[in-house]
Amino acid sequence: MRLVVGNVSVITAGIGEDRSGLVVISVVSLSAEPPKVIACVNRSSSTWPVIERYRHFGINSLGPQHQHLAERFSGFGGIKGKDRYEGAEWVTLKTGAALLSDAVAAFDCSLDEMIDRGTHSIIIGSVEAVRTHDSGQALIYWRGGYRPLNVE
């Protein structure tokens, strides 16, 4: 799986002091009409129960300038929960999920369904609002590391 290239996204969930988030490389468009997305979240993560409790989540597609944020949300240094949000500017649109203000693309989603398979749940969400900031760059994960992808 280290040879499969993935776009780095931060999944956010919760409100105020009761929020968490994690990095995923498994966000996929499920449907254009109505707009729906899927992502895979480990059920042992601290974010999984927050998604289940609040029934919403944000998907924040990152650019190379967000690598430090990807590391925070990956849990580097033992950073957990609401502390992962420090050092970045966040906004909310419709559901209350936090969206990174300068994310390449941010999707505000209401939770439709969680399907358990193995250690993970496939979360299916209806896209309620979208915010974009296309800088011509993306952050990808490949061969065990974060790497920039630039449009030339």
N, C-alpha and C. Protein backbone atom coordinates (compact mmCIF):
# COMPACT_ATOMS: atom_id res chain seq x y z
N MET A 1 0.82 -1.21 0.00
CA MET A 1 0.00 0.00 0.00
C MET A 1 0.86 1.26 0.00
N ARG A 2 2.13 1.14 0.39
CA ARG A 2 3.01 2.31 0.38
C ARG A 2 3.25 2.84 -1.02
N LEU A 3 2.98 2.03 -2.04
CA LEU A 3 3.19 2.44 -3.42
C LEU A 3 1.95 3.06 -4.06
N VAL A 4 0.85 3.08 -3.32
CA VAL A 4 -0.37 3.72 -3.81
C VAL A 4 -0.35 5.19 -3.37
N VAL A 5 -0.41 6.10 -4.32
CA VAL A 5 -0.38 7.53 -4.03
C VAL A 5 -1.75 7.97 -3.51
N GLY A 6 -1.76 8.75 -2.44
CA GLY A 6 -3.01 9.25 -1.89
C GLY A 6 -2.94 10.73 -1.59
N ASN A 7 -4.06 11.42 -1.80
CA ASN A 7 -4.17 12.82 -1.42
C ASN A 7 -4.31 12.90 0.09
N VAL A 8 -3.59 13.80 0.72
CA VAL A 8 -3.64 13.94 2.17
C VAL A 8 -4.79 14.87 2.55
N SER A 9 -5.69 14.35 3.37
CA SER A 9 -6.82 15.13 3.86
C SER A 9 -6.91 14.99 5.37
N VAL A 10 -7.37 16.05 6.01
CA VAL A 10 -7.67 16.01 7.44
C VAL A 10 -9.18 15.91 7.59
N ILE A 11 -9.61 14.91 8.34
CA ILE A 11 -11.03 14.77 8.70
C ILE A 11 -11.20 15.43 10.05
N THR A 12 -12.16 16.32 10.17
CA THR A 12 -12.45 17.00 11.43
C THR A 12 -13.86 16.63 11.88
N ALA A 13 -14.08 16.65 13.19
CA ALA A 13 -15.41 16.35 13.73
C ALA A 13 -15.52 16.96 15.11
N GLY A 14 -16.75 17.26 15.48
CA GLY A 14 -17.02 17.79 16.81
C GLY A 14 -17.10 19.30 16.83
N ILE A 15 -17.34 19.83 18.03
CA ILE A 15 -17.52 21.26 18.21
C ILE A 15 -16.80 21.69 19.49
N GLY A 16 -16.15 22.86 19.43
CA GLY A 16 -15.54 23.45 20.62
C GLY A 16 -14.51 22.56 21.26
N GLU A 17 -14.63 22.35 22.56
CA GLU A 17 -13.68 21.53 23.31
C GLU A 17 -13.81 20.06 22.96
N ASP A 18 -14.98 19.65 22.48
CA ASP A 18 -15.23 18.25 22.14
C ASP A 18 -15.04 18.04 20.64
N ARG A 19 -13.79 18.10 20.19
CA ARG A 19 -13.50 17.88 18.78
C ARG A 19 -12.19 17.13 18.63
N SER A 20 -12.09 16.49 17.51
CA SER A 20 -10.90 15.71 17.20
C SER A 20 -10.75 15.68 15.69
N GLY A 21 -9.72 15.03 15.23
CA GLY A 21 -9.50 14.92 13.80
C GLY A 21 -8.34 13.99 13.52
N LEU A 22 -8.23 13.58 12.26
CA LEU A 22 -7.17 12.67 11.86
C LEU A 22 -6.85 12.85 10.39
N VAL A 23 -5.71 12.31 9.97
CA VAL A 23 -5.30 12.35 8.57
C VAL A 23 -5.77 11.07 7.89
N VAL A 24 -6.30 11.23 6.69
CA VAL A 24 -6.66 10.08 5.86
C VAL A 24 -6.13 10.31 4.44
N ILE A 25 -5.93 9.21 3.75
CA ILE A 25 -5.57 9.29 2.33
C ILE A 25 -6.57 8.47 1.51
N SER A 26 -7.77 8.34 2.06
CA SER A 26 -8.77 7.47 1.43
C SER A 26 -10.10 8.18 1.18
N VAL A 27 -10.07 9.45 0.81
CA VAL A 27 -11.29 10.18 0.50
C VAL A 27 -11.62 9.98 -0.97
N VAL A 28 -12.88 9.64 -1.23
CA VAL A 28 -13.31 9.36 -2.61
C VAL A 28 -14.69 9.97 -2.83
N SER A 29 -14.91 10.49 -4.02
CA SER A 29 -16.25 10.94 -4.41
C SER A 29 -17.11 9.71 -4.65
N LEU A 30 -18.27 9.67 -4.04
CA LEU A 30 -19.18 8.54 -4.20
C LEU A 30 -20.26 8.86 -5.23
N SER A 31 -20.74 10.11 -5.23
CA SER A 31 -21.84 10.49 -6.10
C SER A 31 -21.76 11.99 -6.39
N ALA A 32 -22.08 12.36 -7.63
CA ALA A 32 -22.12 13.77 -7.99
C ALA A 32 -23.49 14.37 -7.71
N GLU A 33 -24.53 13.60 -7.95
CA GLU A 33 -25.90 14.06 -7.72
C GLU A 33 -26.69 12.99 -6.99
N PRO A 34 -26.98 13.17 -5.74
CA PRO A 34 -26.53 14.26 -4.87
C PRO A 34 -25.05 14.08 -4.51
N PRO A 35 -24.36 15.16 -4.16
CA PRO A 35 -22.93 15.05 -3.84
C PRO A 35 -22.70 14.28 -2.54
N LYS A 36 -21.94 13.18 -2.66
CA LYS A 36 -21.62 12.34 -1.51
C LYS A 36 -20.16 11.92 -1.59
N VAL A 37 -19.54 11.73 -0.43
CA VAL A 37 -18.15 11.31 -0.34
C VAL A 37 -18.05 10.14 0.63
N ILE A 38 -16.93 9.40 0.49
CA ILE A 38 -16.64 8.34 1.45
C ILE A 38 -15.19 8.49 1.92
N ALA A 39 -14.95 8.03 3.13
CA ALA A 39 -13.60 7.97 3.70
C ALA A 39 -13.56 6.78 4.64
N CYS A 40 -12.37 6.31 4.91
CA CYS A 40 -12.20 5.18 5.82
C CYS A 40 -11.53 5.67 7.10
N VAL A 41 -12.15 5.35 8.24
CA VAL A 41 -11.66 5.82 9.54
C VAL A 41 -11.52 4.62 10.46
N ASN A 42 -10.35 4.50 11.09
CA ASN A 42 -10.11 3.43 12.04
C ASN A 42 -11.03 3.60 13.24
N ARG A 43 -11.72 2.52 13.61
CA ARG A 43 -12.67 2.60 14.73
C ARG A 43 -11.98 2.81 16.07
N SER A 44 -10.67 2.53 16.15
CA SER A 44 -9.95 2.76 17.41
C SER A 44 -9.43 4.19 17.54
N SER A 45 -9.62 5.01 16.49
CA SER A 45 -9.15 6.40 16.56
C SER A 45 -10.03 7.21 17.51
N SER A 46 -9.47 8.28 18.04
CA SER A 46 -10.24 9.16 18.93
C SER A 46 -11.29 9.96 18.16
N THR A 47 -11.18 10.01 16.85
CA THR A 47 -12.12 10.78 16.04
C THR A 47 -13.39 10.00 15.71
N TRP A 48 -13.28 8.69 15.61
CA TRP A 48 -14.43 7.87 15.21
C TRP A 48 -15.65 8.12 16.09
N PRO A 49 -15.53 8.08 17.44
CA PRO A 49 -16.74 8.31 18.24
C PRO A 49 -17.28 9.74 18.14
N VAL A 50 -16.39 10.69 17.83
CA VAL A 50 -16.84 12.09 17.69
C VAL A 50 -17.68 12.22 16.41
N ILE A 51 -17.27 11.57 15.35
CA ILE A 51 -18.07 11.57 14.11
C ILE A 51 -19.43 10.94 14.39
N GLU A 52 -19.42 9.82 15.08
CA GLU A 52 -20.69 9.13 15.39
C GLU A 52 -21.59 10.00 16.27
N ARG A 53 -21.01 10.68 17.26
CA ARG A 53 -21.79 11.49 18.19
C ARG A 53 -22.40 12.72 17.52
N TYR A 54 -21.62 13.45 16.73
CA TYR A 54 -22.08 14.71 16.14
C TYR A 54 -22.75 14.53 14.77
N ARG A 55 -22.53 13.38 14.13
CA ARG A 55 -23.16 13.07 12.84
C ARG A 55 -22.75 14.06 11.75
N HIS A 56 -21.54 14.58 11.87
CA HIS A 56 -20.97 15.46 10.83
C HIS A 56 -19.46 15.25 10.78
N PHE A 57 -18.87 15.72 9.68
CA PHE A 57 -17.42 15.73 9.57
C PHE A 57 -17.02 16.69 8.46
N GLY A 58 -15.80 17.19 8.56
CA GLY A 58 -15.23 18.03 7.52
C GLY A 58 -14.10 17.28 6.85
N ILE A 59 -13.96 17.46 5.55
CA ILE A 59 -12.83 16.92 4.80
C ILE A 59 -12.04 18.10 4.29
N ASN A 60 -10.77 18.15 4.64
CA ASN A 60 -9.90 19.25 4.27
C ASN A 60 -8.73 18.71 3.46
N SER A 61 -8.75 18.93 2.16
CA SER A 61 -7.68 18.49 1.27
C SER A 61 -6.52 19.47 1.41
N LEU A 62 -5.33 18.94 1.70
CA LEU A 62 -4.19 19.79 2.05
C LEU A 62 -3.25 20.06 0.89
N GLY A 63 -2.56 21.19 1.00
CA GLY A 63 -1.47 21.55 0.09
C GLY A 63 -0.14 21.36 0.81
N PRO A 64 0.98 21.49 0.08
CA PRO A 64 2.30 21.31 0.70
C PRO A 64 2.55 22.22 1.90
N GLN A 65 1.97 23.41 1.88
CA GLN A 65 2.16 24.35 2.99
C GLN A 65 1.50 23.86 4.28
N HIS A 66 0.72 22.78 4.21
CA HIS A 66 0.02 22.26 5.38
C HIS A 66 0.69 21.01 5.97
N GLN A 67 1.90 20.70 5.54
CA GLN A 67 2.52 19.47 6.04
C GLN A 67 2.60 19.45 7.57
N HIS A 68 2.92 20.59 8.19
CA HIS A 68 2.97 20.64 9.65
C HIS A 68 1.62 20.27 10.26
N LEU A 69 0.55 20.68 9.61
CA LEU A 69 -0.79 20.37 10.09
C LEU A 69 -1.08 18.87 9.92
N ALA A 70 -0.66 18.31 8.80
CA ALA A 70 -0.82 16.87 8.59
C ALA A 70 -0.09 16.10 9.69
N GLU A 71 1.08 16.55 10.06
CA GLU A 71 1.84 15.88 11.11
C GLU A 71 1.13 15.99 12.46
N ARG A 72 0.57 17.16 12.75
CA ARG A 72 -0.19 17.34 14.01
C ARG A 72 -1.38 16.39 14.05
N PHE A 73 -2.14 16.33 12.95
CA PHE A 73 -3.34 15.50 12.92
C PHE A 73 -3.00 14.01 12.77
N SER A 74 -1.74 13.70 12.44
CA SER A 74 -1.29 12.31 12.44
C SER A 74 -0.90 11.86 13.84
N GLY A 75 -0.85 12.81 14.77
CA GLY A 75 -0.52 12.48 16.14
C GLY A 75 0.95 12.55 16.48
N PHE A 76 1.77 13.14 15.59
CA PHE A 76 3.20 13.30 15.90
C PHE A 76 3.33 14.08 17.21
N GLY A 77 4.21 13.64 18.05
CA GLY A 77 4.43 14.33 19.32
C GLY A 77 3.35 14.08 20.35
N GLY A 78 2.45 13.15 20.09
CA GLY A 78 1.40 12.82 21.05
C GLY A 78 0.27 13.84 21.13
N ILE A 79 0.14 14.71 20.14
CA ILE A 79 -0.91 15.74 20.15
C ILE A 79 -2.25 15.08 19.86
N LYS A 80 -3.26 15.38 20.69
CA LYS A 80 -4.57 14.74 20.56
C LYS A 80 -5.71 15.77 20.61
N GLY A 81 -6.88 15.32 20.18
CA GLY A 81 -8.12 16.07 20.33
C GLY A 81 -8.06 17.49 19.81
N LYS A 82 -8.62 18.40 20.60
CA LYS A 82 -8.74 19.81 20.19
C LYS A 82 -7.39 20.49 20.01
N ASP A 83 -6.34 19.97 20.64
CA ASP A 83 -5.01 20.57 20.52
C ASP A 83 -4.45 20.45 19.10
N ARG A 84 -4.96 19.52 18.33
CA ARG A 84 -4.51 19.37 16.94
C ARG A 84 -4.88 20.57 16.08
N TYR A 85 -5.87 21.34 16.50
CA TYR A 85 -6.36 22.47 15.72
C TYR A 85 -5.53 23.73 15.87
N GLU A 86 -4.64 23.75 16.86
CA GLU A 86 -3.83 24.96 17.11
C GLU A 86 -2.90 25.25 15.94
N GLY A 87 -2.65 26.53 15.70
CA GLY A 87 -1.71 26.94 14.67
C GLY A 87 -2.30 27.03 13.28
N ALA A 88 -3.61 26.97 13.16
CA ALA A 88 -4.27 27.09 11.85
C ALA A 88 -5.57 27.87 12.02
N GLU A 89 -6.05 28.43 10.93
CA GLU A 89 -7.31 29.19 10.95
C GLU A 89 -8.44 28.30 10.44
N TRP A 90 -9.50 28.20 11.23
CA TRP A 90 -10.62 27.33 10.93
C TRP A 90 -11.91 28.13 10.78
N VAL A 91 -12.79 27.66 9.92
CA VAL A 91 -14.11 28.27 9.73
C VAL A 91 -15.15 27.16 9.80
N THR A 92 -16.40 27.55 9.97
CA THR A 92 -17.51 26.59 9.87
C THR A 92 -18.48 27.12 8.83
N LEU A 93 -19.17 26.20 8.19
CA LEU A 93 -20.16 26.58 7.18
C LEU A 93 -21.56 26.17 7.62
N LYS A 94 -21.94 24.93 7.43
CA LYS A 94 -23.32 24.54 7.70
C LYS A 94 -23.47 23.59 8.89
N THR A 95 -22.66 22.53 8.96
CA THR A 95 -22.87 21.51 9.99
C THR A 95 -22.21 21.82 11.32
N GLY A 96 -21.23 22.72 11.33
CA GLY A 96 -20.47 23.00 12.53
C GLY A 96 -19.11 22.35 12.54
N ALA A 97 -18.83 21.47 11.57
CA ALA A 97 -17.50 20.85 11.47
C ALA A 97 -16.49 21.93 11.07
N ALA A 98 -15.29 21.83 11.62
CA ALA A 98 -14.24 22.81 11.33
C ALA A 98 -13.65 22.55 9.95
N LEU A 99 -13.49 23.63 9.18
CA LEU A 99 -12.87 23.56 7.86
C LEU A 99 -11.68 24.49 7.84
N LEU A 100 -10.57 24.00 7.32
CA LEU A 100 -9.35 24.78 7.21
C LEU A 100 -9.58 25.93 6.23
N SER A 101 -9.34 27.16 6.67
CA SER A 101 -9.69 28.33 5.85
C SER A 101 -8.98 28.36 4.51
N ASP A 102 -7.75 27.83 4.44
CA ASP A 102 -7.02 27.86 3.17
C ASP A 102 -6.78 26.46 2.60
N ALA A 103 -7.65 25.52 2.92
CA ALA A 103 -7.55 24.17 2.34
C ALA A 103 -7.70 24.25 0.83
N VAL A 104 -7.04 23.35 0.13
CA VAL A 104 -7.20 23.28 -1.33
C VAL A 104 -8.67 23.08 -1.66
N ALA A 105 -9.31 22.17 -0.95
CA ALA A 105 -10.75 21.97 -1.05
C ALA A 105 -11.23 21.51 0.32
N ALA A 106 -12.36 22.02 0.76
CA ALA A 106 -12.94 21.63 2.05
C ALA A 106 -14.41 21.30 1.84
N PHE A 107 -14.82 20.16 2.39
CA PHE A 107 -16.19 19.69 2.23
C PHE A 107 -16.82 19.56 3.62
N ASP A 108 -17.94 20.22 3.79
CA ASP A 108 -18.70 20.17 5.03
C ASP A 108 -19.77 19.10 4.85
N CYS A 109 -19.71 18.03 5.63
CA CYS A 109 -20.55 16.86 5.38
C CYS A 109 -21.40 16.46 6.58
N SER A 110 -22.61 16.05 6.31
CA SER A 110 -23.44 15.39 7.32
C SER A 110 -23.27 13.89 7.13
N LEU A 111 -23.24 13.17 8.22
CA LEU A 111 -23.02 11.73 8.17
C LEU A 111 -24.28 11.01 7.74
N ASP A 112 -24.17 10.20 6.69
CA ASP A 112 -25.28 9.36 6.24
C ASP A 112 -25.23 7.99 6.90
N GLU A 113 -24.02 7.40 6.89
CA GLU A 113 -23.91 6.01 7.31
C GLU A 113 -22.46 5.67 7.65
N MET A 114 -22.29 4.73 8.57
CA MET A 114 -20.98 4.16 8.90
C MET A 114 -21.07 2.65 8.68
N ILE A 115 -20.22 2.13 7.81
CA ILE A 115 -20.23 0.70 7.51
C ILE A 115 -18.94 0.10 8.04
N ASP A 116 -19.05 -0.81 8.99
CA ASP A 116 -17.88 -1.41 9.60
C ASP A 116 -17.34 -2.54 8.74
N ARG A 117 -16.04 -2.50 8.50
CA ARG A 117 -15.33 -3.56 7.78
C ARG A 117 -13.94 -3.68 8.40
N GLY A 118 -13.64 -4.83 8.96
CA GLY A 118 -12.34 -5.03 9.60
C GLY A 118 -12.14 -4.02 10.72
N THR A 119 -11.00 -3.35 10.71
CA THR A 119 -10.65 -2.39 11.77
C THR A 119 -11.24 -1.00 11.52
N HIS A 120 -11.80 -0.77 10.34
CA HIS A 120 -12.24 0.56 9.93
C HIS A 120 -13.74 0.65 9.69
N SER A 121 -14.22 1.86 9.65
CA SER A 121 -15.58 2.15 9.18
C SER A 121 -15.47 2.97 7.91
N ILE A 122 -16.28 2.63 6.95
CA ILE A 122 -16.43 3.46 5.76
C ILE A 122 -17.48 4.49 6.14
N ILE A 123 -17.10 5.76 6.15
CA ILE A 123 -18.08 6.79 6.48
C ILE A 123 -18.58 7.40 5.17
N ILE A 124 -19.88 7.49 5.07
CA ILE A 124 -20.52 8.07 3.89
C ILE A 124 -21.18 9.37 4.32
N GLY A 125 -20.86 10.44 3.59
CA GLY A 125 -21.40 11.74 3.95
C GLY A 125 -22.03 12.47 2.79
N SER A 126 -23.08 13.22 3.10
CA SER A 126 -23.69 14.14 2.14
C SER A 126 -22.96 15.47 2.23
N VAL A 127 -22.50 15.98 1.10
CA VAL A 127 -21.79 17.26 1.08
C VAL A 127 -22.82 18.38 1.20
N GLU A 128 -22.71 19.13 2.29
CA GLU A 128 -23.65 20.22 2.57
C GLU A 128 -23.13 21.56 2.06
N ALA A 129 -21.81 21.71 2.03
CA ALA A 129 -21.18 22.96 1.56
C ALA A 129 -19.74 22.67 1.15
N VAL A 130 -19.22 23.51 0.25
CA VAL A 130 -17.86 23.35 -0.27
C VAL A 130 -17.15 24.69 -0.23
N ARG A 131 -15.86 24.63 0.05
CA ARG A 131 -15.01 25.83 0.03
C ARG A 131 -13.72 25.44 -0.67
N THR A 132 -13.24 26.24 -1.63
CA THR A 132 -12.02 25.90 -2.35
C THR A 132 -11.02 27.05 -2.32
N HIS A 133 -9.76 26.66 -2.47
CA HIS A 133 -8.64 27.60 -2.53
C HIS A 133 -7.56 26.92 -3.38
N ASP A 134 -7.75 26.91 -4.69
CA ASP A 134 -6.87 26.16 -5.60
C ASP A 134 -5.58 26.93 -5.84
N SER A 135 -4.50 26.44 -5.25
CA SER A 135 -3.20 27.08 -5.41
C SER A 135 -2.34 26.37 -6.45
N GLY A 136 -2.89 25.34 -7.09
CA GLY A 136 -2.13 24.57 -8.06
C GLY A 136 -1.19 23.56 -7.43
N GLN A 137 -1.37 23.31 -6.12
CA GLN A 137 -0.52 22.37 -5.41
C GLN A 137 -1.37 21.47 -4.53
N ALA A 138 -0.86 20.28 -4.28
CA ALA A 138 -1.52 19.35 -3.36
C ALA A 138 -0.45 18.64 -2.54
N LEU A 139 -0.85 18.12 -1.41
CA LEU A 139 0.04 17.31 -0.58
C LEU A 139 -0.38 15.86 -0.76
N ILE A 140 0.58 15.03 -1.12
CA ILE A 140 0.29 13.61 -1.31
C ILE A 140 1.11 12.79 -0.33
N TYR A 141 0.70 11.54 -0.16
CA TYR A 141 1.42 10.59 0.68
C TYR A 141 1.84 9.43 -0.20
N TRP A 142 3.15 9.15 -0.22
CA TRP A 142 3.67 8.10 -1.07
C TRP A 142 4.95 7.56 -0.46
N ARG A 143 5.09 6.26 -0.45
CA ARG A 143 6.28 5.59 0.09
C ARG A 143 6.60 6.02 1.52
N GLY A 144 5.56 6.17 2.33
CA GLY A 144 5.75 6.45 3.74
C GLY A 144 6.06 7.89 4.09
N GLY A 145 5.86 8.82 3.15
CA GLY A 145 6.14 10.22 3.46
C GLY A 145 5.25 11.19 2.73
N TYR A 146 5.16 12.40 3.26
CA TYR A 146 4.42 13.48 2.63
C TYR A 146 5.26 14.08 1.53
N ARG A 147 4.63 14.38 0.39
CA ARG A 147 5.36 14.94 -0.76
C ARG A 147 4.47 15.98 -1.47
N PRO A 148 5.09 17.04 -1.98
CA PRO A 148 4.29 18.05 -2.72
C PRO A 148 3.99 17.57 -4.12
N LEU A 149 2.85 17.96 -4.62
CA LEU A 149 2.47 17.72 -6.02
C LEU A 149 2.13 19.08 -6.59
N ASN A 150 2.88 19.51 -7.62
CA ASN A 150 2.70 20.82 -8.22
C ASN A 150 2.18 20.70 -9.64
N VAL A 151 1.25 21.56 -10.01
CA VAL A 151 0.78 21.64 -11.39
C VAL A 151 1.79 22.49 -12.14
N GLU A 152 2.25 21.99 -13.27
CA GLU A 152 3.25 22.75 -14.04
C GLU A 152 2.66 23.31 -15.30
